[in-house]
Structure formats: structure tokens, C-alpha cells
């Protein structure tokens, strides 16, 4: 690139030697520092908060799923199988599945955050 001191230097940090290019460069840097940088910082803060919330949701969902699983184990007696399942146990199993789904959703949120 013309106007930059060296080939290996970052063109974002090296001032161009040409006066017009230098002026444009400084204007762009100033605009970045005044508008984009604060927005970027705010966005990063929002992402961190969303990650914390997702972790909390995931933790609570795991705790709920564990408690549901343990109570479902206590409710199931004898050999396991459809013949031994009561309507109450079906509800407990549905809650387990719902808890796992919440955990999966929280994991998906964390992937994109």
C-alpha cells in the first residue's frame, strides 16, 4: 500500500506520509473513537451480560433436571418399563425432557453469544 512506512506494519496504526491521506486517516480514526468504539464497548458489555444470564439459566435448568430425575427415580419402583409407569411418572419424565430442552437452549444461546 502506498503511503505506509513498511510492508509488515499494521496500516491501521501507521500514519500515511501523504498529507491528504494522513488527514483522511486521522478523520477516520477520530470518527471511530467518537462513534464506533463506544458502541462496540456497549455491545461487548451486553454480550457479557447475556452470557452470564445464559449461564445462570443453564445452571438452574441443570439443577431442576437433576432434582426431577432423582424424584423420578424415587417414584419408579421395581423393574423399569412401560408397564410400571404411572401417570405421575409420565409427568415427571416430561419435566425431565423439558429441563434438558432448556439446557440445550441455553447451550445454543452460549454458542452464539
PDB file of N, CA and C in Angstrom:
ATOM      1  N   UNK A   1       0.844  -1.181   0.000  1.00  0.00           N
ATOM      2  CA  UNK A   1       0.000   0.000   0.000  1.00  0.00           C
ATOM      3  C   UNK A   1       0.889   1.242   0.000  1.00  0.00           C
ATOM      4  N   UNK A   2       0.565   2.159  -0.821  1.00  0.00           N
ATOM      5  CA  UNK A   2       1.331   3.391  -0.888  1.00  0.00           C
ATOM      6  C   UNK A   2       1.019   4.262   0.313  1.00  0.00           C
ATOM      7  N   UNK A   3       2.047   4.978   0.775  1.00  0.00           N
ATOM      8  CA  UNK A   3       1.837   5.919   1.854  1.00  0.00           C
ATOM      9  C   UNK A   3       2.072   5.344   3.236  1.00  0.00           C
ATOM     10  N   UNK A   4       2.329   4.050   3.341  1.00  0.00           N
ATOM     11  CA  UNK A   4       2.579   3.456   4.638  1.00  0.00           C
ATOM     12  C   UNK A   4       4.057   3.152   4.770  1.00  0.00           C
ATOM     13  N   UNK A   5       4.567   3.254   5.991  1.00  0.00           N
ATOM     14  CA  UNK A   5       6.003   3.184   6.237  1.00  0.00           C
ATOM     15  C   UNK A   5       6.607   1.849   5.824  1.00  0.00           C
ATOM     16  N   UNK A   6       6.058   0.752   6.257  1.00  0.00           N
ATOM     17  CA  UNK A   6       6.650  -0.546   5.960  1.00  0.00           C
ATOM     18  C   UNK A   6       5.604  -1.555   5.580  1.00  0.00           C
ATOM     19  N   UNK A   7       6.046  -2.600   4.938  1.00  0.00           N
ATOM     20  CA  UNK A   7       5.092  -3.619   4.486  1.00  0.00           C
ATOM     21  C   UNK A   7       4.521  -4.431   5.637  1.00  0.00           C
ATOM     22  N   UNK A   8       5.322  -4.674   6.658  1.00  0.00           N
ATOM     23  CA  UNK A   8       4.897  -5.536   7.754  1.00  0.00           C
ATOM     24  C   UNK A   8       4.164  -4.785   8.860  1.00  0.00           C
ATOM     25  N   UNK A   9       4.094  -3.483   8.763  1.00  0.00           N
ATOM     26  CA  UNK A   9       3.436  -2.714   9.811  1.00  0.00           C
ATOM     27  C   UNK A   9       1.933  -2.671   9.568  1.00  0.00           C
ATOM     28  N   UNK A  10       1.208  -2.570  10.640  1.00  0.00           N
ATOM     29  CA  UNK A  10      -0.252  -2.514  10.565  1.00  0.00           C
ATOM     30  C   UNK A  10      -0.678  -1.173   9.973  1.00  0.00           C
ATOM     31  N   UNK A  11      -1.378  -1.168   8.852  1.00  0.00           N
ATOM     32  CA  UNK A  11      -1.774   0.099   8.229  1.00  0.00           C
ATOM     33  C   UNK A  11      -2.747   0.909   9.081  1.00  0.00           C
ATOM     34  N   UNK A  12      -3.378   0.276  10.074  1.00  0.00           N
ATOM     35  CA  UNK A  12      -4.307   0.995  10.942  1.00  0.00           C
ATOM     36  C   UNK A  12      -3.580   1.887  11.936  1.00  0.00           C
ATOM     37  N   UNK A  13      -2.311   1.574  12.238  1.00  0.00           N
ATOM     38  CA  UNK A  13      -1.586   2.322  13.258  1.00  0.00           C
ATOM     39  C   UNK A  13      -0.509   3.227  12.684  1.00  0.00           C
ATOM     40  N   UNK A  14      -0.136   3.055  11.439  1.00  0.00           N
ATOM     41  CA  UNK A  14       0.929   3.847  10.828  1.00  0.00           C
ATOM     42  C   UNK A  14       0.304   5.019  10.079  1.00  0.00           C
ATOM     43  N   UNK A  15       0.788   6.208  10.375  1.00  0.00           N
ATOM     44  CA  UNK A  15       0.287   7.389   9.673  1.00  0.00           C
ATOM     45  C   UNK A  15       0.835   7.422   8.252  1.00  0.00           C
ATOM     46  N   UNK A  16      -0.016   7.682   7.286  1.00  0.00           N
ATOM     47  CA  UNK A  16       0.457   7.802   5.903  1.00  0.00           C
ATOM     48  C   UNK A  16       1.375   9.013   5.749  1.00  0.00           C
ATOM     49  N   UNK A  17       2.304   8.929   4.805  1.00  0.00           N
ATOM     50  CA  UNK A  17       3.237  10.032   4.590  1.00  0.00           C
ATOM     51  C   UNK A  17       2.587  11.162   3.793  1.00  0.00           C
ATOM     52  N   UNK A  18       1.639  10.837   2.943  1.00  0.00           N
ATOM     53  CA  UNK A  18       0.943  11.835   2.139  1.00  0.00           C
ATOM     54  C   UNK A  18       0.023  12.655   3.048  1.00  0.00           C
ATOM     55  N   UNK A  19       0.066  13.973   2.913  1.00  0.00           N
ATOM     56  CA  UNK A  19      -0.704  14.857   3.796  1.00  0.00           C
ATOM     57  C   UNK A  19      -2.214  14.618   3.686  1.00  0.00           C
ATOM     58  N   UNK A  20      -2.722  14.479   2.474  1.00  0.00           N
ATOM     59  CA  UNK A  20      -4.161  14.268   2.271  1.00  0.00           C
ATOM     60  C   UNK A  20      -4.594  12.926   2.863  1.00  0.00           C
ATOM     61  N   UNK A  21      -3.790  11.887   2.625  1.00  0.00           N
ATOM     62  CA  UNK A  21      -4.107  10.566   3.190  1.00  0.00           C
ATOM     63  C   UNK A  21      -4.054  10.603   4.710  1.00  0.00           C
ATOM     64  N   UNK A  22      -3.084  11.329   5.263  1.00  0.00           N
ATOM     65  CA  UNK A  22      -2.943  11.435   6.713  1.00  0.00           C
ATOM     66  C   UNK A  22      -4.183  12.108   7.306  1.00  0.00           C
ATOM     67  N   UNK A  23      -4.655  13.180   6.655  1.00  0.00           N
ATOM     68  CA  UNK A  23      -5.842  13.887   7.132  1.00  0.00           C
ATOM     69  C   UNK A  23      -7.054  12.957   7.125  1.00  0.00           C
ATOM     70  N   UNK A  24      -7.232  12.226   6.029  1.00  0.00           N
ATOM     71  CA  UNK A  24      -8.341  11.276   5.930  1.00  0.00           C
ATOM     72  C   UNK A  24      -8.219  10.196   7.000  1.00  0.00           C
ATOM     73  N   UNK A  25      -7.008   9.707   7.187  1.00  0.00           N
ATOM     74  CA  UNK A  25      -6.748   8.676   8.187  1.00  0.00           C
ATOM     75  C   UNK A  25      -7.133   9.172   9.581  1.00  0.00           C
ATOM     76  N   UNK A  26      -6.684  10.379   9.922  1.00  0.00           N
ATOM     77  CA  UNK A  26      -6.973  10.926  11.244  1.00  0.00           C
ATOM     78  C   UNK A  26      -8.469  11.190  11.430  1.00  0.00           C
ATOM     79  N   UNK A  27      -9.143  11.620  10.361  1.00  0.00           N
ATOM     80  CA  UNK A  27     -10.592  11.824  10.443  1.00  0.00           C
ATOM     81  C   UNK A  27     -11.307  10.503  10.706  1.00  0.00           C
ATOM     82  N   UNK A  28     -10.879   9.471  10.003  1.00  0.00           N
ATOM     83  CA  UNK A  28     -11.496   8.152  10.215  1.00  0.00           C
ATOM     84  C   UNK A  28     -11.244   7.649  11.621  1.00  0.00           C
ATOM     85  N   UNK A  29     -10.023   7.819  12.117  1.00  0.00           N
ATOM     86  CA  UNK A  29      -9.696   7.374  13.468  1.00  0.00           C
ATOM     87  C   UNK A  29     -10.547   8.127  14.488  1.00  0.00           C
ATOM     88  N   UNK A  30     -10.672   9.450  14.312  1.00  0.00           N
ATOM     89  CA  UNK A  30     -11.467  10.266  15.221  1.00  0.00           C
ATOM     90  C   UNK A  30     -12.930   9.816  15.205  1.00  0.00           C
ATOM     91  N   UNK A  31     -13.453   9.576  14.001  1.00  0.00           N
ATOM     92  CA  UNK A  31     -14.839   9.127  13.876  1.00  0.00           C
ATOM     93  C   UNK A  31     -15.022   7.781  14.582  1.00  0.00           C
ATOM     94  N   UNK A  32     -14.052   6.888  14.427  1.00  0.00           N
ATOM     95  CA  UNK A  32     -14.115   5.588  15.097  1.00  0.00           C
ATOM     96  C   UNK A  32     -14.126   5.774  16.609  1.00  0.00           C
ATOM     97  N   UNK A  33     -13.201   6.602  17.105  1.00  0.00           N
ATOM     98  CA  UNK A  33     -13.091   6.790  18.550  1.00  0.00           C
ATOM     99  C   UNK A  33     -14.335   7.445  19.138  1.00  0.00           C
ATOM    100  N   UNK A  34     -15.003   8.290  18.353  1.00  0.00           N
ATOM    101  CA  UNK A  34     -16.167   9.005  18.866  1.00  0.00           C
ATOM    102  C   UNK A  34     -17.464   8.215  18.740  1.00  0.00           C
ATOM    103  N   UNK A  35     -17.591   7.388  17.719  1.00  0.00           N
ATOM    104  CA  UNK A  35     -18.878   6.714  17.496  1.00  0.00           C
ATOM    105  C   UNK A  35     -18.788   5.209  17.632  1.00  0.00           C
ATOM    106  N   UNK A  36     -17.963   4.587  16.857  1.00  0.00           N
ATOM    107  CA  UNK A  36     -17.948   3.124  16.796  1.00  0.00           C
ATOM    108  C   UNK A  36     -17.385   2.511  18.069  1.00  0.00           C
ATOM    109  N   UNK A  37     -16.304   3.048  18.583  1.00  0.00           N
ATOM    110  CA  UNK A  37     -15.673   2.453  19.764  1.00  0.00           C
ATOM    111  C   UNK A  37     -16.624   2.402  20.968  1.00  0.00           C
ATOM    112  N   UNK A  38     -17.326   3.500  21.310  1.00  0.00           N
ATOM    113  CA  UNK A  38     -18.279   3.408  22.435  1.00  0.00           C
ATOM    114  C   UNK A  38     -19.394   2.394  22.181  1.00  0.00           C
ATOM    115  N   UNK A  39     -19.889   2.344  20.943  1.00  0.00           N
ATOM    116  CA  UNK A  39     -20.940   1.376  20.626  1.00  0.00           C
ATOM    117  C   UNK A  39     -20.420  -0.047  20.759  1.00  0.00           C
ATOM    118  N   UNK A  40     -19.201  -0.267  20.306  1.00  0.00           N
ATOM    119  CA  UNK A  40     -18.582  -1.590  20.398  1.00  0.00           C
ATOM    120  C   UNK A  40     -18.433  -1.996  21.863  1.00  0.00           C
ATOM    121  N   UNK A  41     -17.982  -1.059  22.689  1.00  0.00           N
ATOM    122  CA  UNK A  41     -17.822  -1.344  24.116  1.00  0.00           C
ATOM    123  C   UNK A  41     -19.162  -1.689  24.754  1.00  0.00           C
ATOM    124  N   UNK A  42     -20.185  -0.922  24.402  1.00  0.00           N
ATOM    125  CA  UNK A  42     -21.523  -1.182  24.941  1.00  0.00           C
ATOM    126  C   UNK A  42     -22.037  -2.546  24.489  1.00  0.00           C
ATOM    127  N   UNK A  43     -21.807  -2.867  23.232  1.00  0.00           N
ATOM    128  CA  UNK A  43     -22.237  -4.158  22.698  1.00  0.00           C
ATOM    129  C   UNK A  43     -21.515  -5.309  23.398  1.00  0.00           C
ATOM    130  N   UNK A  44     -20.220  -5.167  23.616  1.00  0.00           N
ATOM    131  CA  UNK A  44     -19.472  -6.207  24.327  1.00  0.00           C
ATOM    132  C   UNK A  44     -19.999  -6.388  25.747  1.00  0.00           C
ATOM    133  N   UNK A  45     -20.348  -5.285  26.406  1.00  0.00           N
ATOM    134  CA  UNK A  45     -20.913  -5.366  27.752  1.00  0.00           C
ATOM    135  C   UNK A  45     -22.242  -6.116  27.731  1.00  0.00           C
ATOM    136  N   UNK A  46     -23.082  -5.832  26.730  1.00  0.00           N
ATOM    137  CA  UNK A  46     -24.365  -6.516  26.610  1.00  0.00           C
ATOM    138  C   UNK A  46     -24.168  -8.009  26.365  1.00  0.00           C
ATOM    139  N   UNK A  47     -23.177  -8.360  25.559  1.00  0.00           N
ATOM    140  CA  UNK A  47     -22.893  -9.773  25.288  1.00  0.00           C
ATOM    141  C   UNK A  47     -22.454 -10.468  26.572  1.00  0.00           C
ATOM    142  N   UNK A  48     -21.601  -9.822  27.356  1.00  0.00           N
ATOM    143  CA  UNK A  48     -21.147 -10.414  28.621  1.00  0.00           C
ATOM    144  C   UNK A  48     -22.326 -10.648  29.566  1.00  0.00           C
ATOM    145  N   UNK A  49     -23.234  -9.670  29.639  1.00  0.00           N
ATOM    146  CA  UNK A  49     -24.413  -9.825  30.490  1.00  0.00           C
ATOM    147  C   UNK A  49     -25.292 -10.975  29.999  1.00  0.00           C
ATOM    148  N   UNK A  50     -25.470 -11.075  28.692  1.00  0.00           N
ATOM    149  CA  UNK A  50     -26.277 -12.162  28.127  1.00  0.00           C
ATOM    150  C   UNK A  50     -25.634 -13.511  28.413  1.00  0.00           C
ATOM    151  N   UNK A  51     -24.305 -13.576  28.334  1.00  0.00           N
ATOM    152  CA  UNK A  51     -23.611 -14.829  28.644  1.00  0.00           C
ATOM    153  C   UNK A  51     -23.829 -15.213  30.101  1.00  0.00           C
ATOM    154  N   UNK A  52     -23.744 -14.217  31.004  1.00  0.00           N
ATOM    155  CA  UNK A  52     -23.967 -14.501  32.430  1.00  0.00           C
ATOM    156  C   UNK A  52     -25.391 -15.005  32.662  1.00  0.00           C
ATOM    157  N   UNK A  53     -26.362 -14.356  32.022  1.00  0.00           N
ATOM    158  CA  UNK A  53     -27.754 -14.779  32.169  1.00  0.00           C
ATOM    159  C   UNK A  53     -27.960 -16.185  31.615  1.00  0.00           C
ATOM    160  N   UNK A  54     -27.353 -16.480  30.476  1.00  0.00           N
ATOM    161  CA  UNK A  54     -27.487 -17.809  29.876  1.00  0.00           C
ATOM    162  C   UNK A  54     -26.855 -18.865  30.774  1.00  0.00           C
ATOM    163  N   UNK A  55     -25.708 -18.553  31.359  1.00  0.00           N
ATOM    164  CA  UNK A  55     -25.067 -19.493  32.286  1.00  0.00           C
ATOM    165  C   UNK A  55     -25.959 -19.745  33.498  1.00  0.00           C
ATOM    166  N   UNK A  56     -26.580 -18.684  34.014  1.00  0.00           N
ATOM    167  CA  UNK A  56     -27.469 -18.830  35.167  1.00  0.00           C
ATOM    168  C   UNK A  56     -28.682 -19.683  34.802  1.00  0.00           C
ATOM    169  N   UNK A  57     -29.263 -19.446  33.635  1.00  0.00           N
ATOM    170  CA  UNK A  57     -30.404 -20.249  33.175  1.00  0.00           C
ATOM    171  C   UNK A  57     -29.989 -21.701  33.021  1.00  0.00           C
ATOM    172  N   UNK A  58     -28.832 -21.926  32.440  1.00  0.00           N
ATOM    173  CA  UNK A  58     -28.338 -23.288  32.243  1.00  0.00           C
ATOM    174  C   UNK A  58     -28.128 -23.978  33.590  1.00  0.00           C
ATOM    175  N   UNK A  59     -27.529 -23.246  34.544  1.00  0.00           N
ATOM    176  CA  UNK A  59     -27.280 -23.821  35.868  1.00  0.00           C
ATOM    177  C   UNK A  59     -28.599 -24.196  36.550  1.00  0.00           C
ATOM    178  N   UNK A  60     -29.578 -23.274  36.504  1.00  0.00           N
ATOM    179  CA  UNK A  60     -30.871 -23.565  37.128  1.00  0.00           C
ATOM    180  C   UNK A  60     -31.580 -24.722  36.445  1.00  0.00           C
ATOM    181  N   UNK A  61     -31.493 -24.780  35.125  1.00  0.00           N
ATOM    182  CA  UNK A  61     -32.135 -25.869  34.381  1.00  0.00           C
ATOM    183  C   UNK A  61     -31.494 -27.205  34.727  1.00  0.00           C
ATOM    184  N   UNK A  62     -30.170 -27.221  34.849  1.00  0.00           N
ATOM    185  CA  UNK A  62     -29.488 -28.464  35.232  1.00  0.00           C
ATOM    186  C   UNK A  62     -29.897 -28.898  36.634  1.00  0.00           C
ATOM    187  N   UNK A  63     -29.979 -27.939  37.554  1.00  0.00           N
ATOM    188  CA  UNK A  63     -30.407 -28.272  38.914  1.00  0.00           C
ATOM    189  C   UNK A  63     -31.831 -28.828  38.914  1.00  0.00           C
ATOM    190  N   UNK A  64     -32.716 -28.183  38.157  1.00  0.00           N
ATOM    191  CA  UNK A  64     -34.106 -28.648  38.089  1.00  0.00           C
ATOM    192  C   UNK A  64     -34.180 -30.030  37.452  1.00  0.00           C
ATOM    193  N   UNK A  65     -33.419 -30.238  36.385  1.00  0.00           N
ATOM    194  CA  UNK A  65     -33.423 -31.541  35.716  1.00  0.00           C
ATOM    195  C   UNK A  65     -32.891 -32.623  36.652  1.00  0.00           C
ATOM    196  N   UNK A  66     -31.844 -32.305  37.410  1.00  0.00           N
ATOM    197  CA  UNK A  66     -31.302 -33.280  38.357  1.00  0.00           C
ATOM    198  C   UNK A  66     -32.315 -33.620  39.444  1.00  0.00           C
ATOM    199  N   UNK A  67     -32.993 -32.596  39.972  1.00  0.00           N
ATOM    200  CA  UNK A  67     -33.973 -32.872  41.025  1.00  0.00           C
ATOM    201  C   UNK A  67     -35.151 -33.670  40.469  1.00  0.00           C
ATOM    202  N   UNK A  68     -35.549 -33.374  39.239  1.00  0.00           N
ATOM    203  CA  UNK A  68     -36.652 -34.117  38.625  1.00  0.00           C
ATOM    204  C   UNK A  68     -36.236 -35.562  38.378  1.00  0.00           C
ATOM    205  N   UNK A  69     -35.007 -35.741  37.886  1.00  0.00           N
ATOM    206  CA  UNK A  69     -34.523 -37.110  37.649  1.00  0.00           C
ATOM    207  C   UNK A  69     -34.470 -37.906  38.948  1.00  0.00           C
ATOM    208  N   UNK A  70     -33.958 -37.276  40.007  1.00  0.00           N
ATOM    209  CA  UNK A  70     -33.852 -38.003  41.270  1.00  0.00           C
ATOM    210  C   UNK A  70     -35.238 -38.327  41.825  1.00  0.00           C
ATOM    211  N   UNK A  71     -36.189 -37.405  41.703  1.00  0.00           N
ATOM    212  CA  UNK A  71     -37.536 -37.706  42.192  1.00  0.00           C
ATOM    213  C   UNK A  71     -38.212 -38.740  41.297  1.00  0.00           C
ATOM    214  N   UNK A  72     -37.909 -38.733  40.001  1.00  0.00           N
ATOM    215  CA  UNK A  72     -38.477 -39.742  39.100  1.00  0.00           C
ATOM    216  C   UNK A  72     -37.920 -41.118  39.444  1.00  0.00           C
ATOM    217  N   UNK A  73     -36.632 -41.172  39.806  1.00  0.00           N
ATOM    218  CA  UNK A  73     -36.033 -42.457  40.200  1.00  0.00           C
ATOM    219  C   UNK A  73     -36.688 -42.987  41.472  1.00  0.00           C
ATOM    220  N   UNK A  74     -36.994 -42.077  42.396  1.00  0.00           N
ATOM    221  CA  UNK A  74     -37.630 -42.499  43.639  1.00  0.00           C
ATOM    222  C   UNK A  74     -39.045 -43.010  43.382  1.00  0.00           C
ATOM    223  N   UNK A  75     -39.726 -42.429  42.406  1.00  0.00           N
ATOM    224  CA  UNK A  75     -41.105 -42.822  42.109  1.00  0.00           C
ATOM    225  C   UNK A  75     -41.191 -44.137  41.349  1.00  0.00           C
ATOM    226  N   UNK A  76     -40.157 -44.482  40.615  1.00  0.00           N
ATOM    227  CA  UNK A  76     -40.179 -45.714  39.826  1.00  0.00           C
ATOM    228  C   UNK A  76     -39.664 -46.841  40.716  1.00  0.00           C
ATOM    229  N   UNK A  77     -40.497 -47.834  40.906  1.00  0.00           N
ATOM    230  CA  UNK A  77     -40.097 -48.967  41.725  1.00  0.00           C
ATOM    231  C   UNK A  77     -40.056 -50.231  40.899  1.00  0.00           C
ATOM    232  N   UNK A  78     -39.233 -51.198  41.299  1.00  0.00           N
ATOM    233  CA  UNK A  78     -39.155 -52.468  40.570  1.00  0.00           C
ATOM    234  C   UNK A  78     -38.419 -52.310  39.264  1.00  0.00           C
ATOM    235  N   UNK A  79     -38.772 -53.169  38.310  1.00  0.00           N
ATOM    236  CA  UNK A  79     -38.091 -53.114  37.021  1.00  0.00           C
ATOM    237  C   UNK A  79     -38.648 -51.963  36.194  1.00  0.00           C
ATOM    238  N   UNK A  80     -37.793 -51.416  35.379  1.00  0.00           N
ATOM    239  CA  UNK A  80     -38.248 -50.291  34.561  1.00  0.00           C
ATOM    240  C   UNK A  80     -38.940 -50.817  33.317  1.00  0.00           C
ATOM    241  N   UNK A  81     -39.863 -50.050  32.824  1.00  0.00           N
ATOM    242  CA  UNK A  81     -40.578 -50.435  31.613  1.00  0.00           C
ATOM    243  C   UNK A  81     -41.911 -49.741  31.559  1.00  0.00           C
ATOM    244  N   UNK A  82     -42.528 -49.733  30.415  1.00  0.00           N
ATOM    245  CA  UNK A  82     -43.803 -49.034  30.262  1.00  0.00           C
ATOM    246  C   UNK A  82     -44.905 -49.596  31.147  1.00  0.00           C
ATOM    247  N   UNK A  83     -44.845 -50.876  31.493  1.00  0.00           N
ATOM    248  CA  UNK A  83     -45.918 -51.456  32.298  1.00  0.00           C
ATOM    249  C   UNK A  83     -45.924 -50.904  33.717  1.00  0.00           C
ATOM    250  N   UNK A  84     -44.777 -50.417  34.205  1.00  0.00           N
ATOM    251  CA  UNK A  84     -44.688 -49.909  35.576  1.00  0.00           C
ATOM    252  C   UNK A  84     -44.911 -48.404  35.678  1.00  0.00           C
ATOM    253  N   UNK A  85     -45.101 -47.735  34.561  1.00  0.00           N
ATOM    254  CA  UNK A  85     -45.179 -46.274  34.573  1.00  0.00           C
ATOM    255  C   UNK A  85     -46.593 -45.831  34.919  1.00  0.00           C
ATOM    256  N   UNK A  86     -46.681 -44.967  35.929  1.00  0.00           N
ATOM    257  CA  UNK A  86     -47.971 -44.393  36.313  1.00  0.00           C
ATOM    258  C   UNK A  86     -48.105 -43.014  35.667  1.00  0.00           C
ATOM    259  N   UNK A  87     -49.312 -42.448  35.653  1.00  0.00           N
ATOM    260  CA  UNK A  87     -49.469 -41.109  35.070  1.00  0.00           C
ATOM    261  C   UNK A  87     -48.567 -40.058  35.729  1.00  0.00           C
ATOM    262  N   UNK A  88     -48.364 -40.158  37.019  1.00  0.00           N
ATOM    263  CA  UNK A  88     -47.479 -39.213  37.714  1.00  0.00           C
ATOM    264  C   UNK A  88     -46.044 -39.320  37.232  1.00  0.00           C
ATOM    265  N   UNK A  89     -45.610 -40.541  36.961  1.00  0.00           N
ATOM    266  CA  UNK A  89     -44.245 -40.738  36.471  1.00  0.00           C
ATOM    267  C   UNK A  89     -44.091 -40.202  35.051  1.00  0.00           C
ATOM    268  N   UNK A  90     -45.151 -40.305  34.248  1.00  0.00           N
ATOM    269  CA  UNK A  90     -45.106 -39.718  32.907  1.00  0.00           C
ATOM    270  C   UNK A  90     -44.876 -38.212  32.993  1.00  0.00           C
ATOM    271  N   UNK A  91     -45.542 -37.569  33.947  1.00  0.00           N
ATOM    272  CA  UNK A  91     -45.374 -36.128  34.127  1.00  0.00           C
ATOM    273  C   UNK A  91     -43.935 -35.824  34.525  1.00  0.00           C
ATOM    274  N   UNK A  92     -43.385 -36.624  35.441  1.00  0.00           N
ATOM    275  CA  UNK A  92     -42.000 -36.409  35.870  1.00  0.00           C
ATOM    276  C   UNK A  92     -41.036 -36.572  34.700  1.00  0.00           C
ATOM    277  N   UNK A  93     -41.255 -37.576  33.881  1.00  0.00           N
ATOM    278  CA  UNK A  93     -40.380 -37.773  32.714  1.00  0.00           C
ATOM    279  C   UNK A  93     -40.506 -36.608  31.745  1.00  0.00           C
ATOM    280  N   UNK A  94     -41.718 -36.095  31.572  1.00  0.00           N
ATOM    281  CA  UNK A  94     -41.914 -34.939  30.692  1.00  0.00           C
ATOM    282  C   UNK A  94     -41.160 -33.728  31.231  1.00  0.00           C
ATOM    283  N   UNK A  95     -41.166 -33.565  32.556  1.00  0.00           N
ATOM    284  CA  UNK A  95     -40.417 -32.454  33.156  1.00  0.00           C
ATOM    285  C   UNK A  95     -38.919 -32.623  32.919  1.00  0.00           C
ATOM    286  N   UNK A  96     -38.427 -33.856  33.008  1.00  0.00           N
ATOM    287  CA  UNK A  96     -37.008 -34.127  32.729  1.00  0.00           C
ATOM    288  C   UNK A  96     -36.663 -33.708  31.308  1.00  0.00           C
ATOM    289  N   UNK A  97     -37.503 -34.093  30.375  1.00  0.00           N
ATOM    290  CA  UNK A  97     -37.254 -33.753  28.972  1.00  0.00           C
ATOM    291  C   UNK A  97     -37.276 -32.241  28.798  1.00  0.00           C
ATOM    292  N   UNK A  98     -38.247 -31.577  29.431  1.00  0.00           N
ATOM    293  CA  UNK A  98     -38.331 -30.121  29.326  1.00  0.00           C
ATOM    294  C   UNK A  98     -37.082 -29.471  29.922  1.00  0.00           C
ATOM    295  N   UNK A  99     -36.610 -29.984  31.044  1.00  0.00           N
ATOM    296  CA  UNK A  99     -35.383 -29.465  31.657  1.00  0.00           C
ATOM    297  C   UNK A  99     -34.189 -29.622  30.741  1.00  0.00           C
ATOM    298  N   UNK A 100     -34.094 -30.791  30.086  1.00  0.00           N
ATOM    299  CA  UNK A 100     -32.991 -30.995  29.137  1.00  0.00           C
ATOM    300  C   UNK A 100     -33.108 -30.035  27.963  1.00  0.00           C
ATOM    301  N   UNK A 101     -34.339 -29.784  27.506  1.00  0.00           N
ATOM    302  CA  UNK A 101     -34.532 -28.842  26.400  1.00  0.00           C
ATOM    303  C   UNK A 101     -34.089 -27.436  26.787  1.00  0.00           C
ATOM    304  N   UNK A 102     -34.382 -27.024  28.018  1.00  0.00           N
ATOM    305  CA  UNK A 102     -33.953 -25.705  28.486  1.00  0.00           C
ATOM    306  C   UNK A 102     -32.434 -25.635  28.513  1.00  0.00           C
ATOM    307  N   UNK A 103     -31.794 -26.708  28.968  1.00  0.00           N
ATOM    308  CA  UNK A 103     -30.332 -26.754  28.992  1.00  0.00           C
ATOM    309  C   UNK A 103     -29.789 -26.663  27.576  1.00  0.00           C
ATOM    310  N   UNK A 104     -30.404 -27.389  26.649  1.00  0.00           N
ATOM    311  CA  UNK A 104     -29.959 -27.333  25.254  1.00  0.00           C
ATOM    312  C   UNK A 104     -30.117 -25.927  24.686  1.00  0.00           C
ATOM    313  N   UNK A 105     -31.232 -25.276  24.996  1.00  0.00           N
ATOM    314  CA  UNK A 105     -31.444 -23.909  24.510  1.00  0.00           C
ATOM    315  C   UNK A 105     -30.398 -22.963  25.079  1.00  0.00           C
ATOM    316  N   UNK A 106     -30.101 -23.106  26.362  1.00  0.00           N
ATOM    317  CA  UNK A 106     -29.083 -22.252  26.978  1.00  0.00           C
ATOM    318  C   UNK A 106     -27.725 -22.490  26.330  1.00  0.00           C
ATOM    319  N   UNK A 107     -27.422 -23.745  26.014  1.00  0.00           N
ATOM    320  CA  UNK A 107     -26.157 -24.050  25.345  1.00  0.00           C
ATOM    321  C   UNK A 107     -26.105 -23.402  23.973  1.00  0.00           C
ATOM    322  N   UNK A 108     -27.224 -23.428  23.248  1.00  0.00           N
ATOM    323  CA  UNK A 108     -27.272 -22.794  21.926  1.00  0.00           C
ATOM    324  C   UNK A 108     -27.061 -21.286  22.039  1.00  0.00           C
ATOM    325  N   UNK A 109     -27.666 -20.686  23.050  1.00  0.00           N
ATOM    326  CA  UNK A 109     -27.501 -19.245  23.253  1.00  0.00           C
ATOM    327  C   UNK A 109     -26.036 -18.925  23.508  1.00  0.00           C
ATOM    328  N   UNK A 110     -25.379 -19.746  24.325  1.00  0.00           N
ATOM    329  CA  UNK A 110     -23.973 -19.503  24.638  1.00  0.00           C
ATOM    330  C   UNK A 110     -23.088 -19.644  23.412  1.00  0.00           C
ATOM    331  N   UNK A 111     -23.455 -20.517  22.485  1.00  0.00           N
ATOM    332  CA  UNK A 111     -22.650 -20.683  21.274  1.00  0.00           C
ATOM    333  C   UNK A 111     -22.595 -19.398  20.464  1.00  0.00           C
ATOM    334  N   UNK A 112     -23.727 -18.696  20.398  1.00  0.00           N
ATOM    335  CA  UNK A 112     -23.802 -17.513  19.547  1.00  0.00           C
ATOM    336  C   UNK A 112     -23.484 -16.229  20.290  1.00  0.00           C
ATOM    337  N   UNK A 113     -23.364 -16.301  21.618  1.00  0.00           N
ATOM    338  CA  UNK A 113     -23.088 -15.087  22.388  1.00  0.00           C
ATOM    339  C   UNK A 113     -21.630 -14.738  22.363  1.00  0.00           C
TER     340      UNK A 113
END
